[in-house]
Protein backbone atom coordinates (compact mmCIF):
# COMPACT_ATOMS: atom_id res chain seq x y z
CA MET A 1 94.07 14.90 180.14
CA GLU A 2 94.82 16.45 182.70
CA PRO A 3 98.01 19.31 182.40
CA LEU A 4 100.97 18.50 184.31
CA ASN A 5 102.38 21.19 186.53
CA ASP A 6 105.29 21.67 188.77
CA THR A 7 104.59 19.16 191.18
CA HIS A 8 104.68 16.48 188.69
CA LEU A 9 107.98 18.34 187.49
CA ASP A 10 109.73 18.25 191.07
CA ARG A 11 108.79 14.43 191.42
CA PHE A 12 110.56 13.30 188.02
CA LEU A 13 113.56 15.05 189.20
CA ARG A 14 113.19 13.53 192.73
CA THR A 15 112.44 10.09 191.62
CA GLY A 16 114.89 10.47 188.57
CA SER A 17 118.05 11.56 191.55
CA VAL A 18 118.04 14.66 188.58
CA ALA A 19 120.24 17.75 189.62
CA GLY A 20 118.18 20.70 189.68
CA ARG A 21 115.43 22.63 191.49
CA LEU A 22 112.61 24.26 190.69
CA ILE A 23 113.04 27.84 191.84
CA TYR A 24 109.54 30.28 192.89
CA PRO A 25 110.62 34.05 192.12
CA GLY A 26 107.10 35.09 193.48
CA ARG A 27 106.70 37.26 189.87
CA PRO A 28 105.34 35.18 186.17
CA THR A 29 107.67 34.33 183.81
CA PRO A 30 105.77 34.13 180.89
CA THR A 31 108.99 35.09 178.46
CA VAL A 32 112.63 35.06 178.23
CA ARG A 33 113.19 38.66 179.10
CA ALA A 34 110.66 38.48 182.17
CA ALA A 35 112.36 35.74 183.21
CA ALA A 36 115.61 36.66 183.32
CA GLU A 37 114.66 40.24 185.36
CA VAL A 38 112.85 38.21 187.78
CA LEU A 39 115.70 35.58 188.42
CA GLY A 40 118.44 38.55 188.12
CA VAL A 41 120.46 37.32 185.03
CA GLU A 42 121.25 37.36 181.22
CA PRO A 43 118.52 36.34 178.43
CA GLY A 44 121.33 33.90 177.21
CA ARG A 45 120.71 31.59 180.74
CA ILE A 46 117.06 31.47 179.82
CA LEU A 47 116.38 28.13 178.56
CA LYS A 48 112.45 28.15 175.80
CA SER A 49 111.84 24.71 175.16
CA LEU A 50 109.90 24.21 171.88
CA VAL A 51 108.27 21.48 169.99
CA PHE A 52 108.09 21.13 166.60
CA LEU A 53 106.67 18.79 164.41
CA ALA A 54 109.50 17.14 161.53
CA ASP A 55 107.02 15.44 159.01
CA GLU A 56 104.46 15.04 162.04
CA ARG A 57 106.27 12.96 164.82
CA PRO A 58 107.01 15.60 167.56
CA TRP A 59 110.78 17.01 168.33
CA LEU A 60 111.49 19.17 171.25
CA ALA A 61 113.92 22.27 170.51
CA VAL A 62 115.83 23.81 173.52
CA ALA A 63 117.87 26.41 172.87
CA THR A 64 118.97 29.96 174.92
CA GLY A 65 118.01 33.44 175.20
CA LEU A 66 116.64 35.75 172.60
CA ALA A 67 118.18 33.74 170.27
CA HIS A 68 115.65 33.00 167.05
CA LEU A 69 115.71 28.91 166.16
CA ASP A 70 116.84 29.25 162.02
CA PRO A 71 114.10 26.41 160.40
CA HIS A 72 117.13 25.18 158.10
CA LEU A 73 118.53 24.50 160.69
CA LEU A 74 115.86 22.34 162.60
CA ALA A 75 115.25 20.49 159.48
CA GLU A 76 118.54 19.96 159.24
CA ALA A 77 119.16 18.35 163.24
CA PHE A 78 115.60 15.89 162.09
CA GLY A 79 116.33 15.25 159.13
CA VAL A 80 113.60 16.34 157.47
CA ALA A 81 113.36 19.18 154.59
CA ARG A 82 112.61 22.17 155.23
CA ARG A 83 108.67 22.24 154.06
CA ARG A 84 108.46 19.31 156.65
CA VAL A 85 109.17 21.31 159.61
CA ARG A 86 106.52 23.16 161.61
CA LEU A 87 106.24 24.82 165.25
CA ALA A 88 103.43 22.33 167.11
CA ALA A 89 100.78 25.12 168.12
CA ALA A 90 100.33 25.47 171.43
CA THR A 91 97.10 23.18 171.72
CA GLU A 92 99.87 20.09 169.59
CA ALA A 93 102.39 20.85 173.13
CA PHE A 94 100.12 20.68 175.45
CA GLU A 95 98.68 17.89 174.34
CA ILE A 96 102.31 15.71 173.84
CA THR A 97 104.13 17.00 176.70
CA GLY A 98 101.13 17.62 179.33
CA TYR A 99 102.32 21.29 179.65
CA GLN A 100 101.32 24.26 178.55
CA VAL A 101 103.50 26.18 176.15
CA GLY A 102 105.56 29.53 178.46
CA ALA A 103 106.36 27.01 181.40
CA MET A 104 107.19 23.78 179.52
CA PRO A 105 110.40 22.39 181.37
CA PRO A 106 113.07 21.40 178.93
CA PHE A 107 112.06 17.05 180.27
CA GLY A 108 109.88 15.52 182.66
CA HIS A 109 107.37 15.48 179.63
CA ARG A 110 104.52 12.70 179.30
CA SER A 111 106.43 10.98 177.22
CA ARG A 112 110.51 10.85 176.59
CA LEU A 113 110.59 13.44 172.90
CA PRO A 114 113.84 13.10 170.90
CA THR A 115 115.73 15.87 172.05
CA VAL A 116 117.68 18.49 170.03
CA VAL A 117 119.82 21.11 172.52
CA ASP A 118 121.54 24.36 170.32
CA GLU A 119 125.55 24.29 170.49
CA SER A 120 124.84 27.82 172.51
CA ILE A 121 124.01 25.96 175.34
CA VAL A 122 127.79 25.44 177.55
CA ALA A 123 128.91 23.23 179.41
CA GLY A 124 129.12 24.54 183.28
CA LYS A 125 126.79 27.18 183.43
CA VAL A 126 123.49 26.78 185.07
CA TYR A 127 119.84 28.02 182.89
CA TYR A 128 116.75 28.37 183.99
CA GLY A 129 114.19 27.09 182.09
CA GLY A 130 110.19 26.32 182.31
CA GLY A 131 109.34 25.26 185.73
CA GLY A 132 105.98 23.07 184.84
CA GLY A 133 103.83 26.75 185.67
CA GLY A 134 103.77 30.41 184.75
CA SER A 135 105.57 31.57 187.92
CA VAL A 136 108.36 28.85 188.75
CA MET A 137 111.43 28.37 186.96
CA LEU A 138 113.73 24.85 186.64
CA GLU A 139 117.22 25.70 187.61
CA LEU A 140 119.74 23.60 185.84
CA GLY A 141 123.44 22.75 184.28
CA ALA A 142 124.15 22.25 180.47
CA GLU A 143 125.63 18.72 181.42
CA THR A 144 122.07 17.66 183.38
CA LEU A 145 119.95 19.10 180.53
CA ILE A 146 122.14 17.25 178.07
CA ALA A 147 122.20 13.58 180.41
CA VAL A 148 118.55 13.75 180.61
CA THR A 149 116.69 14.80 177.35
CA GLY A 150 119.99 12.31 175.80
CA ALA A 151 119.60 14.97 173.70
CA ARG A 152 122.11 16.10 170.34
CA GLN A 153 123.65 19.26 170.39
CA VAL A 154 124.17 20.46 167.26
CA PRO A 155 123.81 24.41 165.49
CA LEU A 156 120.07 25.35 165.86
CA THR A 157 119.57 29.09 166.39
CA LYS A 158 120.46 32.79 165.02
CA GLU A 159 120.76 35.54 167.37
CA LYS A 160 117.88 38.30 167.62
CA ALA A 161 117.15 41.36 168.83
CA HIS A 162 113.90 40.90 170.02
CA ASP A 163 111.47 38.94 173.00
CA SER A 164 110.97 35.55 172.61
């Protein structure tokens, strides 16, 4: 299966007239802290897109910065018992989305995933998510994120002090 990358994401943005742009900061951005440092923004402006399996059905959860996704809140958002939710392994996330973990954008995947977005993502702010490659970031507004993913915005996180 051919991996998706920033070229695929750029095509998705252009063909869908999506209000977002790819940024090439010139250094790898493998973690929230690294991306925030390279872009000169606070970690709360960095999006992380994570694939979960709820009753083995894939979901995408999007949160910001160093926040910790709460398993009980995720289960509630997915409408299943907590024991029925698990984080997809990196290989599963790749098979589902086409993107490598650490570079995964919140949309533009092989197929559209049901998506939930943490309530901490605020309208009117600009955020930065995975851009499809290890040294590429996607800049987009909260409104674009919600509109393109068709996400429900719900509480998903608790803050934590270490890198995600």
